């Protein structure tokens, strides 16, 4: 355990804890970057644990010494969005990150992201991409990601969520 928390892979049994973390994290933190009416429509769908991520083996939790889940995030080769999209084995996608507001600035998100970057690199991924919320751009930039554009994600009919497309080129392990 480093810094008062440990990182472990998530599983389907963690759905309730991940959902609780997303509900505690997203409303107060996203309010700094999005209008209230956008959040009112977008957050209900965003605050649910994704069963596919929980089964992926590449989605992780940061767990405090008292057992509380204080962070989550992972990566997949499958891009976010509807299933059956083309998959490029050289490209990985950072997925569904959150840190509990009480655990901000303690290295939780950085530790989770570092784990994802190392795993993706070890799996032969050459580029990581993410759809960053407007408030998380600096976090990803601090890890070496660069902004490559903007995208409005359609979460449901009439529900549009503006995001920043970010990318990180990975060198081979040891290279």
N, C-alpha and C. Protein backbone atom coordinates (compact mmCIF):
# COMPACT_ATOMS: atom_id res chain seq x y z
N UNK A 1 0.86 -1.17 0.00
CA UNK A 1 0.00 0.00 0.00
C UNK A 1 0.90 1.23 0.00
N UNK A 2 0.67 2.09 -0.97
CA UNK A 2 1.48 3.30 -1.11
C UNK A 2 0.57 4.51 -0.95
N UNK A 3 0.97 5.48 -0.16
CA UNK A 3 0.19 6.71 -0.01
C UNK A 3 -1.17 6.50 0.64
N UNK A 4 -1.33 5.42 1.38
CA UNK A 4 -2.60 5.18 2.06
C UNK A 4 -3.65 4.50 1.20
N UNK A 5 -3.25 4.02 0.02
CA UNK A 5 -4.19 3.28 -0.83
C UNK A 5 -3.45 2.24 -1.65
N UNK A 6 -4.19 1.26 -2.11
CA UNK A 6 -3.65 0.21 -2.97
C UNK A 6 -4.48 0.18 -4.26
N UNK A 7 -3.87 -0.29 -5.32
CA UNK A 7 -4.58 -0.43 -6.59
C UNK A 7 -4.77 -1.92 -6.85
N UNK A 8 -5.99 -2.27 -7.24
CA UNK A 8 -6.29 -3.66 -7.57
C UNK A 8 -7.24 -3.70 -8.76
N UNK A 9 -7.24 -4.81 -9.49
CA UNK A 9 -8.19 -4.94 -10.59
C UNK A 9 -9.63 -4.95 -10.07
N UNK A 10 -10.52 -4.36 -10.83
CA UNK A 10 -11.94 -4.38 -10.49
C UNK A 10 -12.58 -5.62 -11.11
N UNK A 11 -13.72 -5.99 -10.56
CA UNK A 11 -14.49 -7.10 -11.11
C UNK A 11 -15.97 -6.77 -11.03
N UNK A 12 -16.81 -7.62 -11.60
CA UNK A 12 -18.25 -7.38 -11.59
C UNK A 12 -18.82 -7.15 -10.18
N UNK A 13 -18.21 -7.75 -9.19
CA UNK A 13 -18.68 -7.58 -7.80
C UNK A 13 -18.45 -6.16 -7.28
N UNK A 14 -17.70 -5.36 -8.02
CA UNK A 14 -17.40 -3.99 -7.60
C UNK A 14 -18.36 -2.95 -8.20
N UNK A 15 -19.38 -3.39 -8.89
CA UNK A 15 -20.28 -2.46 -9.59
C UNK A 15 -20.89 -1.42 -8.64
N UNK A 16 -21.35 -1.84 -7.50
CA UNK A 16 -21.99 -0.92 -6.55
C UNK A 16 -20.98 0.11 -6.02
N UNK A 17 -19.77 -0.33 -5.71
CA UNK A 17 -18.75 0.58 -5.19
C UNK A 17 -18.32 1.59 -6.26
N UNK A 18 -18.18 1.13 -7.50
CA UNK A 18 -17.81 2.03 -8.59
C UNK A 18 -18.93 3.03 -8.84
N UNK A 19 -20.17 2.56 -8.86
CA UNK A 19 -21.30 3.47 -9.04
C UNK A 19 -21.36 4.52 -7.93
N UNK A 20 -21.11 4.11 -6.70
CA UNK A 20 -21.09 5.06 -5.59
C UNK A 20 -19.99 6.09 -5.73
N UNK A 21 -18.81 5.65 -6.17
CA UNK A 21 -17.70 6.58 -6.40
C UNK A 21 -18.05 7.58 -7.50
N UNK A 22 -18.59 7.10 -8.60
CA UNK A 22 -18.95 8.00 -9.70
C UNK A 22 -20.01 9.01 -9.26
N UNK A 23 -20.96 8.57 -8.44
CA UNK A 23 -22.00 9.48 -7.94
C UNK A 23 -21.43 10.52 -6.98
N UNK A 24 -20.42 10.13 -6.23
CA UNK A 24 -19.79 11.08 -5.30
C UNK A 24 -18.87 12.05 -6.02
N UNK A 25 -18.27 11.61 -7.11
CA UNK A 25 -17.24 12.37 -7.80
C UNK A 25 -17.78 13.28 -8.90
N UNK A 26 -18.52 12.73 -9.83
CA UNK A 26 -18.87 13.48 -11.04
C UNK A 26 -19.70 14.74 -10.79
N UNK A 27 -20.78 14.70 -10.02
CA UNK A 27 -21.57 15.95 -9.89
C UNK A 27 -20.77 17.14 -9.37
N UNK A 28 -20.03 17.01 -8.26
CA UNK A 28 -19.34 18.22 -7.78
C UNK A 28 -18.15 18.62 -8.66
N UNK A 29 -17.44 17.65 -9.21
CA UNK A 29 -16.25 17.98 -9.99
C UNK A 29 -16.59 18.48 -11.38
N UNK A 30 -17.59 17.89 -12.02
CA UNK A 30 -17.98 18.31 -13.38
C UNK A 30 -18.65 19.67 -13.40
N UNK A 31 -19.17 20.10 -12.26
CA UNK A 31 -19.87 21.39 -12.20
C UNK A 31 -18.95 22.56 -12.58
N UNK A 32 -17.65 22.38 -12.43
CA UNK A 32 -16.71 23.44 -12.77
C UNK A 32 -16.55 23.64 -14.27
N UNK A 33 -17.01 22.68 -15.08
CA UNK A 33 -16.78 22.78 -16.52
C UNK A 33 -18.00 22.69 -17.41
N UNK A 34 -19.15 22.40 -16.82
CA UNK A 34 -20.35 22.18 -17.64
C UNK A 34 -21.55 22.89 -17.04
N UNK A 35 -22.45 23.38 -17.88
CA UNK A 35 -23.68 23.99 -17.38
C UNK A 35 -24.54 22.96 -16.63
N UNK A 36 -25.28 23.43 -15.65
CA UNK A 36 -26.12 22.55 -14.82
C UNK A 36 -27.11 21.75 -15.65
N UNK A 37 -27.70 22.36 -16.69
CA UNK A 37 -28.69 21.63 -17.49
C UNK A 37 -28.05 20.49 -18.28
N UNK A 38 -26.80 20.66 -18.72
CA UNK A 38 -26.09 19.58 -19.41
C UNK A 38 -25.82 18.44 -18.43
N UNK A 39 -25.34 18.77 -17.24
CA UNK A 39 -25.05 17.73 -16.25
C UNK A 39 -26.31 17.00 -15.82
N UNK A 40 -27.40 17.71 -15.70
CA UNK A 40 -28.66 17.07 -15.29
C UNK A 40 -29.06 15.97 -16.27
N UNK A 41 -28.80 16.19 -17.55
CA UNK A 41 -29.17 15.19 -18.56
C UNK A 41 -28.08 14.13 -18.76
N UNK A 42 -26.81 14.53 -18.61
CA UNK A 42 -25.71 13.63 -18.94
C UNK A 42 -25.30 12.70 -17.80
N UNK A 43 -25.30 13.21 -16.58
CA UNK A 43 -24.73 12.45 -15.47
C UNK A 43 -25.43 11.14 -15.13
N UNK A 44 -26.76 11.05 -15.22
CA UNK A 44 -27.36 9.76 -14.85
C UNK A 44 -26.77 8.57 -15.61
N UNK A 45 -26.49 8.71 -16.88
CA UNK A 45 -25.90 7.62 -17.64
C UNK A 45 -24.42 7.44 -17.37
N UNK A 46 -23.74 8.53 -17.04
CA UNK A 46 -22.30 8.47 -16.82
C UNK A 46 -21.94 7.90 -15.44
N UNK A 47 -22.89 7.93 -14.51
CA UNK A 47 -22.57 7.53 -13.14
C UNK A 47 -22.89 6.06 -12.86
N UNK A 48 -22.98 5.27 -13.91
CA UNK A 48 -23.22 3.84 -13.74
C UNK A 48 -21.94 3.08 -14.08
N UNK A 49 -21.63 2.08 -13.29
CA UNK A 49 -20.48 1.24 -13.58
C UNK A 49 -20.74 0.49 -14.88
N UNK A 50 -19.73 0.42 -15.73
CA UNK A 50 -19.85 -0.26 -17.01
C UNK A 50 -19.48 -1.73 -16.82
N UNK A 51 -20.43 -2.65 -17.01
CA UNK A 51 -20.15 -4.07 -16.79
C UNK A 51 -19.02 -4.60 -17.67
N UNK A 52 -18.91 -4.10 -18.89
CA UNK A 52 -17.84 -4.56 -19.77
C UNK A 52 -16.47 -4.16 -19.22
N UNK A 53 -16.37 -2.95 -18.69
CA UNK A 53 -15.11 -2.54 -18.09
C UNK A 53 -14.78 -3.37 -16.86
N UNK A 54 -15.80 -3.64 -16.03
CA UNK A 54 -15.57 -4.42 -14.81
C UNK A 54 -15.10 -5.83 -15.12
N UNK A 55 -15.44 -6.35 -16.29
CA UNK A 55 -15.02 -7.70 -16.68
C UNK A 55 -13.74 -7.69 -17.53
N UNK A 56 -13.21 -6.52 -17.85
CA UNK A 56 -12.11 -6.42 -18.81
C UNK A 56 -10.76 -6.92 -18.29
N UNK A 57 -10.55 -6.86 -16.98
CA UNK A 57 -9.24 -7.19 -16.44
C UNK A 57 -8.26 -6.03 -16.52
N UNK A 58 -8.67 -4.93 -17.16
CA UNK A 58 -7.81 -3.75 -17.30
C UNK A 58 -8.45 -2.51 -16.68
N UNK A 59 -9.44 -2.73 -15.83
CA UNK A 59 -10.09 -1.64 -15.11
C UNK A 59 -9.73 -1.82 -13.64
N UNK A 60 -9.33 -0.72 -12.99
CA UNK A 60 -8.75 -0.82 -11.65
C UNK A 60 -9.43 0.09 -10.64
N UNK A 61 -9.25 -0.27 -9.39
CA UNK A 61 -9.74 0.53 -8.28
C UNK A 61 -8.58 0.95 -7.39
N UNK A 62 -8.67 2.15 -6.85
CA UNK A 62 -7.78 2.58 -5.77
C UNK A 62 -8.60 2.41 -4.50
N UNK A 63 -8.06 1.65 -3.57
CA UNK A 63 -8.78 1.31 -2.34
C UNK A 63 -7.99 1.82 -1.14
N UNK A 64 -8.66 2.62 -0.31
CA UNK A 64 -8.04 3.18 0.89
C UNK A 64 -7.82 2.09 1.93
N UNK A 65 -7.02 2.41 2.93
CA UNK A 65 -6.73 1.45 4.01
C UNK A 65 -7.99 0.95 4.70
N UNK A 66 -9.04 1.80 4.75
CA UNK A 66 -10.29 1.37 5.40
C UNK A 66 -11.21 0.61 4.46
N UNK A 67 -10.76 0.32 3.24
CA UNK A 67 -11.55 -0.45 2.28
C UNK A 67 -12.41 0.38 1.35
N UNK A 68 -12.46 1.69 1.55
CA UNK A 68 -13.27 2.56 0.70
C UNK A 68 -12.63 2.69 -0.69
N UNK A 69 -13.47 2.63 -1.72
CA UNK A 69 -13.00 2.84 -3.09
C UNK A 69 -12.90 4.35 -3.30
N UNK A 70 -11.67 4.83 -3.57
CA UNK A 70 -11.45 6.27 -3.70
C UNK A 70 -11.04 6.68 -5.12
N UNK A 71 -10.90 5.71 -6.01
CA UNK A 71 -10.56 6.01 -7.39
C UNK A 71 -10.85 4.82 -8.28
N UNK A 72 -11.09 5.11 -9.55
CA UNK A 72 -11.30 4.05 -10.52
C UNK A 72 -10.84 4.53 -11.89
N UNK A 73 -10.52 3.59 -12.74
CA UNK A 73 -10.15 3.91 -14.11
C UNK A 73 -9.45 2.74 -14.76
N UNK A 74 -9.48 2.74 -16.07
CA UNK A 74 -8.85 1.63 -16.78
C UNK A 74 -8.62 1.96 -18.24
N UNK A 75 -8.33 0.91 -18.99
CA UNK A 75 -8.11 1.07 -20.42
C UNK A 75 -8.61 -0.19 -21.12
N UNK A 76 -8.94 -0.03 -22.37
CA UNK A 76 -9.33 -1.17 -23.22
C UNK A 76 -8.84 -0.90 -24.63
N UNK A 77 -8.80 -1.95 -25.42
CA UNK A 77 -8.53 -1.75 -26.85
C UNK A 77 -9.81 -1.29 -27.54
N UNK A 78 -10.97 -1.67 -26.98
CA UNK A 78 -12.24 -1.26 -27.56
C UNK A 78 -12.48 0.21 -27.24
N UNK A 79 -12.86 1.00 -28.25
CA UNK A 79 -13.16 2.41 -27.97
C UNK A 79 -14.46 2.55 -27.20
N UNK A 80 -14.62 3.67 -26.50
CA UNK A 80 -15.89 3.90 -25.82
C UNK A 80 -17.00 4.09 -26.85
N UNK A 81 -18.20 3.83 -26.44
CA UNK A 81 -19.34 3.99 -27.34
C UNK A 81 -19.98 2.66 -27.66
N UNK A 82 -20.79 2.64 -28.70
CA UNK A 82 -21.51 1.41 -29.03
C UNK A 82 -20.57 0.26 -29.35
N UNK A 83 -20.96 -0.97 -29.00
CA UNK A 83 -20.13 -2.14 -29.33
C UNK A 83 -20.01 -2.27 -30.86
N UNK A 84 -19.12 -3.10 -31.27
CA UNK A 84 -18.91 -3.44 -32.68
C UNK A 84 -18.23 -2.33 -33.47
N UNK A 85 -17.54 -1.41 -32.80
CA UNK A 85 -16.72 -0.44 -33.50
C UNK A 85 -15.40 -1.12 -33.88
N UNK A 86 -14.76 -0.63 -34.93
CA UNK A 86 -13.47 -1.22 -35.29
C UNK A 86 -12.46 -1.07 -34.15
N UNK A 87 -11.65 -2.10 -33.96
CA UNK A 87 -10.62 -2.10 -32.92
C UNK A 87 -9.26 -2.15 -33.60
N UNK A 88 -8.42 -1.19 -33.28
CA UNK A 88 -7.04 -1.16 -33.76
C UNK A 88 -6.17 -1.69 -32.63
N UNK A 89 -5.49 -2.83 -32.82
CA UNK A 89 -4.71 -3.41 -31.72
C UNK A 89 -3.55 -2.54 -31.25
N UNK A 90 -3.18 -1.53 -32.02
CA UNK A 90 -2.10 -0.63 -31.64
C UNK A 90 -2.58 0.54 -30.78
N UNK A 91 -3.92 0.68 -30.66
CA UNK A 91 -4.49 1.83 -29.96
C UNK A 91 -5.29 1.35 -28.75
N UNK A 92 -5.02 1.97 -27.61
CA UNK A 92 -5.79 1.71 -26.40
C UNK A 92 -6.58 2.94 -26.02
N UNK A 93 -7.59 2.74 -25.21
CA UNK A 93 -8.49 3.83 -24.82
C UNK A 93 -8.61 3.89 -23.30
N UNK A 94 -8.30 5.05 -22.75
CA UNK A 94 -8.46 5.30 -21.31
C UNK A 94 -9.95 5.43 -21.05
N UNK A 95 -10.43 4.77 -19.98
CA UNK A 95 -11.87 4.66 -19.79
C UNK A 95 -12.30 4.98 -18.36
N UNK A 96 -13.34 5.75 -18.21
CA UNK A 96 -14.17 5.95 -17.01
C UNK A 96 -13.35 6.18 -15.73
N UNK A 97 -12.55 7.24 -15.74
CA UNK A 97 -11.74 7.60 -14.58
C UNK A 97 -12.53 8.47 -13.60
N UNK A 98 -12.28 8.30 -12.33
CA UNK A 98 -12.86 9.16 -11.30
C UNK A 98 -12.03 9.04 -10.03
N UNK A 99 -11.97 10.14 -9.30
CA UNK A 99 -11.36 10.15 -7.98
C UNK A 99 -12.34 10.79 -7.02
N UNK A 100 -12.50 10.20 -5.86
CA UNK A 100 -13.40 10.77 -4.86
C UNK A 100 -12.91 12.18 -4.51
N UNK A 101 -13.82 13.15 -4.38
CA UNK A 101 -13.41 14.52 -4.05
C UNK A 101 -12.55 14.62 -2.79
N UNK A 102 -12.77 13.75 -1.81
CA UNK A 102 -11.97 13.79 -0.58
C UNK A 102 -10.55 13.25 -0.78
N UNK A 103 -10.30 12.61 -1.94
CA UNK A 103 -8.99 12.00 -2.19
C UNK A 103 -8.22 12.73 -3.29
N UNK A 104 -8.71 13.88 -3.73
CA UNK A 104 -8.01 14.63 -4.77
C UNK A 104 -6.64 15.08 -4.30
N UNK A 105 -5.72 15.17 -5.24
CA UNK A 105 -4.36 15.67 -5.01
C UNK A 105 -3.54 14.78 -4.06
N UNK A 106 -3.91 13.49 -4.03
CA UNK A 106 -3.15 12.54 -3.20
C UNK A 106 -2.46 11.49 -4.08
N UNK A 107 -2.48 11.68 -5.40
CA UNK A 107 -1.82 10.75 -6.30
C UNK A 107 -2.66 9.58 -6.75
N UNK A 108 -3.94 9.57 -6.40
CA UNK A 108 -4.82 8.44 -6.73
C UNK A 108 -4.98 8.32 -8.25
N UNK A 109 -5.42 9.40 -8.89
CA UNK A 109 -5.61 9.37 -10.33
C UNK A 109 -4.32 9.09 -11.08
N UNK A 110 -3.24 9.70 -10.63
CA UNK A 110 -1.94 9.50 -11.29
C UNK A 110 -1.48 8.05 -11.17
N UNK A 111 -1.71 7.44 -10.02
CA UNK A 111 -1.32 6.04 -9.84
C UNK A 111 -2.15 5.12 -10.75
N UNK A 112 -3.44 5.39 -10.83
CA UNK A 112 -4.29 4.58 -11.71
C UNK A 112 -3.88 4.76 -13.17
N UNK A 113 -3.65 6.01 -13.58
CA UNK A 113 -3.27 6.27 -14.96
C UNK A 113 -1.91 5.65 -15.27
N UNK A 114 -0.98 5.75 -14.33
CA UNK A 114 0.33 5.12 -14.52
C UNK A 114 0.22 3.62 -14.71
N UNK A 115 -0.65 2.99 -13.94
CA UNK A 115 -0.88 1.54 -14.10
C UNK A 115 -1.41 1.24 -15.50
N UNK A 116 -2.36 2.03 -15.96
CA UNK A 116 -2.95 1.82 -17.28
C UNK A 116 -1.91 2.00 -18.39
N UNK A 117 -1.11 3.04 -18.28
CA UNK A 117 -0.08 3.30 -19.29
C UNK A 117 0.91 2.14 -19.35
N UNK A 118 1.37 1.68 -18.20
CA UNK A 118 2.33 0.57 -18.15
C UNK A 118 1.72 -0.71 -18.72
N UNK A 119 0.48 -1.01 -18.35
CA UNK A 119 -0.17 -2.22 -18.87
C UNK A 119 -0.35 -2.15 -20.38
N UNK A 120 -0.83 -1.00 -20.86
CA UNK A 120 -1.06 -0.85 -22.30
C UNK A 120 0.26 -0.99 -23.06
N UNK A 121 1.29 -0.34 -22.58
CA UNK A 121 2.61 -0.44 -23.22
C UNK A 121 3.06 -1.90 -23.25
N UNK A 122 2.92 -2.60 -22.13
CA UNK A 122 3.31 -4.00 -22.05
C UNK A 122 2.50 -4.91 -22.96
N UNK A 123 1.27 -4.48 -23.29
CA UNK A 123 0.40 -5.26 -24.17
C UNK A 123 0.60 -4.90 -25.64
N UNK A 124 1.59 -4.06 -25.92
CA UNK A 124 1.89 -3.73 -27.31
C UNK A 124 1.13 -2.55 -27.88
N UNK A 125 0.43 -1.82 -27.03
CA UNK A 125 -0.28 -0.63 -27.50
C UNK A 125 0.75 0.45 -27.78
N UNK A 126 0.58 1.14 -28.88
CA UNK A 126 1.53 2.19 -29.27
C UNK A 126 0.97 3.59 -29.08
N UNK A 127 -0.35 3.69 -28.87
CA UNK A 127 -0.98 5.00 -28.68
C UNK A 127 -2.18 4.82 -27.76
N UNK A 128 -2.25 5.67 -26.75
CA UNK A 128 -3.42 5.71 -25.88
C UNK A 128 -4.22 6.96 -26.21
N UNK A 129 -5.53 6.80 -26.25
CA UNK A 129 -6.42 7.92 -26.48
C UNK A 129 -7.42 7.99 -25.34
N UNK A 130 -7.93 9.18 -25.10
CA UNK A 130 -9.02 9.32 -24.13
C UNK A 130 -9.92 10.46 -24.54
N UNK A 131 -11.14 10.36 -24.11
CA UNK A 131 -12.10 11.45 -24.23
C UNK A 131 -12.15 12.11 -22.87
N UNK A 132 -11.40 13.16 -22.72
CA UNK A 132 -11.31 13.86 -21.44
C UNK A 132 -12.50 14.78 -21.27
N UNK A 133 -13.01 14.84 -20.05
CA UNK A 133 -13.99 15.88 -19.74
C UNK A 133 -13.26 17.22 -19.82
N UNK A 134 -14.02 18.29 -19.91
CA UNK A 134 -13.42 19.62 -19.99
C UNK A 134 -12.60 19.95 -18.75
N UNK A 135 -12.94 19.35 -17.63
CA UNK A 135 -12.22 19.65 -16.38
C UNK A 135 -10.98 18.79 -16.17
N UNK A 136 -10.81 17.73 -16.95
CA UNK A 136 -9.70 16.79 -16.72
C UNK A 136 -8.54 16.98 -17.69
N UNK A 137 -8.62 17.94 -18.59
CA UNK A 137 -7.57 18.12 -19.59
C UNK A 137 -6.19 18.30 -18.94
N UNK A 138 -6.09 19.12 -17.90
CA UNK A 138 -4.78 19.34 -17.25
C UNK A 138 -4.24 18.07 -16.61
N UNK A 139 -5.13 17.26 -16.04
CA UNK A 139 -4.71 15.99 -15.44
C UNK A 139 -4.04 15.11 -16.48
N UNK A 140 -4.69 14.91 -17.62
CA UNK A 140 -4.11 14.05 -18.66
C UNK A 140 -2.87 14.68 -19.27
N UNK A 141 -2.86 15.99 -19.45
CA UNK A 141 -1.69 16.68 -19.99
C UNK A 141 -0.48 16.49 -19.08
N UNK A 142 -0.71 16.46 -17.76
CA UNK A 142 0.39 16.28 -16.81
C UNK A 142 1.04 14.90 -16.94
N UNK A 143 0.33 13.96 -17.56
CA UNK A 143 0.87 12.62 -17.79
C UNK A 143 1.44 12.47 -19.20
N UNK A 144 1.47 13.57 -19.96
CA UNK A 144 2.05 13.53 -21.30
C UNK A 144 1.05 13.46 -22.44
N UNK A 145 -0.24 13.38 -22.12
CA UNK A 145 -1.24 13.38 -23.19
C UNK A 145 -1.29 14.77 -23.81
N UNK A 146 -1.60 14.82 -25.09
CA UNK A 146 -1.78 16.10 -25.77
C UNK A 146 -3.18 16.15 -26.38
N UNK A 147 -3.72 17.34 -26.43
CA UNK A 147 -5.04 17.55 -27.03
C UNK A 147 -4.91 17.44 -28.54
N UNK A 148 -5.80 16.64 -29.15
CA UNK A 148 -5.79 16.48 -30.61
C UNK A 148 -7.12 16.89 -31.22
N UNK A 149 -8.02 17.44 -30.42
CA UNK A 149 -9.30 17.90 -30.96
C UNK A 149 -10.39 17.86 -29.91
N UNK A 150 -11.57 18.16 -30.37
CA UNK A 150 -12.75 18.12 -29.49
C UNK A 150 -13.79 17.22 -30.12
N UNK A 151 -14.62 16.65 -29.26
CA UNK A 151 -15.70 15.79 -29.74
C UNK A 151 -16.88 15.94 -28.82
N UNK A 152 -18.04 16.05 -29.42
CA UNK A 152 -19.27 16.03 -28.64
C UNK A 152 -19.79 14.59 -28.66
N UNK A 153 -19.85 14.00 -27.49
CA UNK A 153 -20.31 12.63 -27.35
C UNK A 153 -21.82 12.66 -27.15
N UNK A 154 -22.52 11.87 -27.92
CA UNK A 154 -23.96 11.75 -27.77
C UNK A 154 -24.22 10.61 -26.79
N UNK A 155 -24.70 10.94 -25.60
CA UNK A 155 -24.92 9.93 -24.55
C UNK A 155 -26.29 9.29 -24.66
N UNK A 156 -27.24 10.02 -25.21
CA UNK A 156 -28.61 9.56 -25.41
C UNK A 156 -29.24 10.58 -26.36
N UNK A 157 -30.39 10.27 -26.92
CA UNK A 157 -31.03 11.26 -27.79
C UNK A 157 -31.19 12.61 -27.07
N UNK A 158 -30.64 13.65 -27.66
CA UNK A 158 -30.74 14.98 -27.08
C UNK A 158 -29.75 15.27 -25.97
N UNK A 159 -28.86 14.33 -25.66
CA UNK A 159 -27.88 14.53 -24.58
C UNK A 159 -26.48 14.52 -25.18
N UNK A 160 -25.90 15.70 -25.27
CA UNK A 160 -24.58 15.90 -25.86
C UNK A 160 -23.61 16.33 -24.76
N UNK A 161 -22.42 15.71 -24.75
CA UNK A 161 -21.42 15.99 -23.72
C UNK A 161 -20.10 16.32 -24.42
N UNK A 162 -19.65 17.56 -24.28
CA UNK A 162 -18.43 17.99 -24.94
C UNK A 162 -17.21 17.40 -24.24
N UNK A 163 -16.27 16.90 -25.06
CA UNK A 163 -15.07 16.26 -24.55
C UNK A 163 -13.86 16.74 -25.35
N UNK A 164 -12.70 16.53 -24.77
CA UNK A 164 -11.43 16.82 -25.44
C UNK A 164 -10.79 15.48 -25.79
N UNK A 165 -10.47 15.30 -27.06
CA UNK A 165 -9.78 14.09 -27.50
C UNK A 165 -8.30 14.29 -27.19
N UNK A 166 -7.75 13.36 -26.43
CA UNK A 166 -6.34 13.46 -26.04
C UNK A 166 -5.62 12.18 -26.42
N UNK A 167 -4.33 12.29 -26.67
CA UNK A 167 -3.55 11.13 -27.10
C UNK A 167 -2.17 11.14 -26.45
N UNK A 168 -1.66 9.94 -26.25
CA UNK A 168 -0.32 9.73 -25.71
C UNK A 168 0.36 8.66 -26.55
N UNK A 169 1.47 9.02 -27.20
CA UNK A 169 2.23 8.04 -27.96
C UNK A 169 3.13 7.29 -26.99
N UNK A 170 3.10 5.96 -27.08
CA UNK A 170 3.87 5.11 -26.18
C UNK A 170 5.07 4.54 -26.93
N UNK A 171 6.21 4.60 -26.29
CA UNK A 171 7.38 3.93 -26.86
C UNK A 171 7.38 2.50 -26.35
N UNK A 172 8.01 1.60 -27.08
CA UNK A 172 8.09 0.22 -26.59
C UNK A 172 8.75 0.18 -25.21
N UNK A 173 8.40 -0.82 -24.42
CA UNK A 173 8.99 -0.96 -23.08
C UNK A 173 10.51 -0.97 -23.19
N UNK A 174 11.13 -0.15 -22.38
CA UNK A 174 12.59 -0.07 -22.37
C UNK A 174 13.14 0.76 -23.51
N UNK A 175 12.24 1.32 -24.37
CA UNK A 175 12.74 2.07 -25.52
C UNK A 175 12.45 3.51 -25.50
